[in-house]
């Protein structure tokens, strides 16, 4: 999403979506 790679991980049963923008290399979204 947002023109970047989406990485899904799971910590202690909580789904976390990290959407990292390719253009600036920064995280543009962080969802718990």
PDB file of N, CA and C in Angstrom:
ATOM      1  N   UNK A   1       0.800  -1.207   0.000  1.00  0.00           N
ATOM      2  CA  UNK A   1       0.000   0.000   0.000  1.00  0.00           C
ATOM      3  C   UNK A   1       0.840   1.266   0.000  1.00  0.00           C
ATOM      4  N   UNK A   2       0.272   2.365  -0.403  1.00  0.00           N
ATOM      5  CA  UNK A   2       0.945   3.671  -0.421  1.00  0.00           C
ATOM      6  C   UNK A   2       2.245   3.623  -1.229  1.00  0.00           C
ATOM      7  N   UNK A   3       2.275   2.833  -2.284  1.00  0.00           N
ATOM      8  CA  UNK A   3       3.445   2.779  -3.149  1.00  0.00           C
ATOM      9  C   UNK A   3       4.638   2.100  -2.509  1.00  0.00           C
ATOM     10  N   UNK A   4       4.378   1.255  -1.491  1.00  0.00           N
ATOM     11  CA  UNK A   4       5.480   0.575  -0.815  1.00  0.00           C
ATOM     12  C   UNK A   4       5.184  -0.893  -0.587  1.00  0.00           C
ATOM     13  N   UNK A   5       6.141  -1.596  -0.036  1.00  0.00           N
ATOM     14  CA  UNK A   5       5.951  -3.010   0.282  1.00  0.00           C
ATOM     15  C   UNK A   5       5.197  -3.130   1.592  1.00  0.00           C
ATOM     16  N   UNK A   6       4.266  -4.094   1.656  1.00  0.00           N
ATOM     17  CA  UNK A   6       3.527  -4.314   2.883  1.00  0.00           C
ATOM     18  C   UNK A   6       4.068  -5.559   3.574  1.00  0.00           C
ATOM     19  N   UNK A   7       4.394  -5.417   4.847  1.00  0.00           N
ATOM     20  CA  UNK A   7       4.928  -6.530   5.615  1.00  0.00           C
ATOM     21  C   UNK A   7       4.002  -6.805   6.786  1.00  0.00           C
ATOM     22  N   UNK A   8       3.567  -8.066   6.900  1.00  0.00           N
ATOM     23  CA  UNK A   8       2.671  -8.432   7.980  1.00  0.00           C
ATOM     24  C   UNK A   8       3.400  -9.338   8.963  1.00  0.00           C
ATOM     25  N   UNK A   9       3.408  -8.952  10.235  1.00  0.00           N
ATOM     26  CA  UNK A   9       4.020  -9.777  11.267  1.00  0.00           C
ATOM     27  C   UNK A   9       3.036  -9.960  12.413  1.00  0.00           C
ATOM     28  N   UNK A  10       3.323 -10.917  13.294  1.00  0.00           N
ATOM     29  CA  UNK A  10       2.431 -11.193  14.406  1.00  0.00           C
ATOM     30  C   UNK A  10       3.234 -11.253  15.696  1.00  0.00           C
ATOM     31  N   UNK A  11       2.871 -10.411  16.658  1.00  0.00           N
ATOM     32  CA  UNK A  11       3.528 -10.396  17.961  1.00  0.00           C
ATOM     33  C   UNK A  11       2.482 -10.566  19.056  1.00  0.00           C
ATOM     34  N   UNK A  12       2.619 -11.631  19.814  1.00  0.00           N
ATOM     35  CA  UNK A  12       1.712 -11.906  20.935  1.00  0.00           C
ATOM     36  C   UNK A  12       0.245 -11.856  20.514  1.00  0.00           C
ATOM     37  N   UNK A  13      -0.053 -12.360  19.312  1.00  0.00           N
ATOM     38  CA  UNK A  13      -1.428 -12.416  18.839  1.00  0.00           C
ATOM     39  C   UNK A  13      -1.924 -11.119  18.241  1.00  0.00           C
ATOM     40  N   UNK A  14      -1.070 -10.093  18.186  1.00  0.00           N
ATOM     41  CA  UNK A  14      -1.465  -8.820  17.596  1.00  0.00           C
ATOM     42  C   UNK A  14      -0.946  -8.716  16.174  1.00  0.00           C
ATOM     43  N   UNK A  15      -1.860  -8.463  15.239  1.00  0.00           N
ATOM     44  CA  UNK A  15      -1.452  -8.309  13.850  1.00  0.00           C
ATOM     45  C   UNK A  15      -0.938  -6.896  13.619  1.00  0.00           C
ATOM     46  N   UNK A  16       0.234  -6.802  13.022  1.00  0.00           N
ATOM     47  CA  UNK A  16       0.842  -5.496  12.764  1.00  0.00           C
ATOM     48  C   UNK A  16       1.103  -5.368  11.271  1.00  0.00           C
ATOM     49  N   UNK A  17       0.637  -4.295  10.680  1.00  0.00           N
ATOM     50  CA  UNK A  17       0.889  -4.042   9.264  1.00  0.00           C
ATOM     51  C   UNK A  17       1.850  -2.870   9.142  1.00  0.00           C
ATOM     52  N   UNK A  18       2.998  -3.134   8.522  1.00  0.00           N
ATOM     53  CA  UNK A  18       3.954  -2.058   8.296  1.00  0.00           C
ATOM     54  C   UNK A  18       3.978  -1.741   6.816  1.00  0.00           C
ATOM     55  N   UNK A  19       3.615  -0.513   6.467  1.00  0.00           N
ATOM     56  CA  UNK A  19       3.625  -0.104   5.067  1.00  0.00           C
ATOM     57  C   UNK A  19       4.806   0.837   4.879  1.00  0.00           C
ATOM     58  N   UNK A  20       5.831   0.346   4.182  1.00  0.00           N
ATOM     59  CA  UNK A  20       7.052   1.130   4.039  1.00  0.00           C
ATOM     60  C   UNK A  20       7.128   1.723   2.647  1.00  0.00           C
ATOM     61  N   UNK A  21       7.251   3.052   2.597  1.00  0.00           N
ATOM     62  CA  UNK A  21       7.325   3.744   1.318  1.00  0.00           C
ATOM     63  C   UNK A  21       8.690   3.520   0.688  1.00  0.00           C
ATOM     64  N   UNK A  22       8.689   3.187  -0.584  1.00  0.00           N
ATOM     65  CA  UNK A  22       9.937   2.938  -1.290  1.00  0.00           C
ATOM     66  C   UNK A  22      10.661   4.253  -1.574  1.00  0.00           C
ATOM     67  N   UNK A  23       9.912   5.299  -1.846  1.00  0.00           N
ATOM     68  CA  UNK A  23      10.497   6.560  -2.299  1.00  0.00           C
ATOM     69  C   UNK A  23      11.366   7.220  -1.232  1.00  0.00           C
ATOM     70  N   UNK A  24      10.925   7.168   0.032  1.00  0.00           N
ATOM     71  CA  UNK A  24      11.713   7.838   1.063  1.00  0.00           C
ATOM     72  C   UNK A  24      12.279   6.850   2.086  1.00  0.00           C
ATOM     73  N   UNK A  25      11.860   5.596   1.980  1.00  0.00           N
ATOM     74  CA  UNK A  25      12.401   4.567   2.866  1.00  0.00           C
ATOM     75  C   UNK A  25      11.911   4.671   4.295  1.00  0.00           C
ATOM     76  N   UNK A  26      10.896   5.504   4.530  1.00  0.00           N
ATOM     77  CA  UNK A  26      10.347   5.650   5.871  1.00  0.00           C
ATOM     78  C   UNK A  26       9.013   4.933   5.979  1.00  0.00           C
ATOM     79  N   UNK A  27       8.635   4.566   7.193  1.00  0.00           N
ATOM     80  CA  UNK A  27       7.329   3.976   7.422  1.00  0.00           C
ATOM     81  C   UNK A  27       6.261   5.058   7.307  1.00  0.00           C
ATOM     82  N   UNK A  28       5.265   4.813   6.436  1.00  0.00           N
ATOM     83  CA  UNK A  28       4.211   5.811   6.299  1.00  0.00           C
ATOM     84  C   UNK A  28       2.930   5.383   6.991  1.00  0.00           C
ATOM     85  N   UNK A  29       2.875   4.122   7.439  1.00  0.00           N
ATOM     86  CA  UNK A  29       1.694   3.669   8.164  1.00  0.00           C
ATOM     87  C   UNK A  29       2.084   2.588   9.155  1.00  0.00           C
ATOM     88  N   UNK A  30       1.460   2.592  10.304  1.00  0.00           N
ATOM     89  CA  UNK A  30       1.705   1.562  11.294  1.00  0.00           C
ATOM     90  C   UNK A  30       0.387   1.237  11.978  1.00  0.00           C
ATOM     91  N   UNK A  31      -0.086  -0.003  11.787  1.00  0.00           N
ATOM     92  CA  UNK A  31      -1.384  -0.396  12.337  1.00  0.00           C
ATOM     93  C   UNK A  31      -1.211  -1.512  13.348  1.00  0.00           C
ATOM     94  N   UNK A  32      -1.878  -1.399  14.493  1.00  0.00           N
ATOM     95  CA  UNK A  32      -1.934  -2.480  15.464  1.00  0.00           C
ATOM     96  C   UNK A  32      -3.218  -3.251  15.239  1.00  0.00           C
TER      97      UNK A  32
END
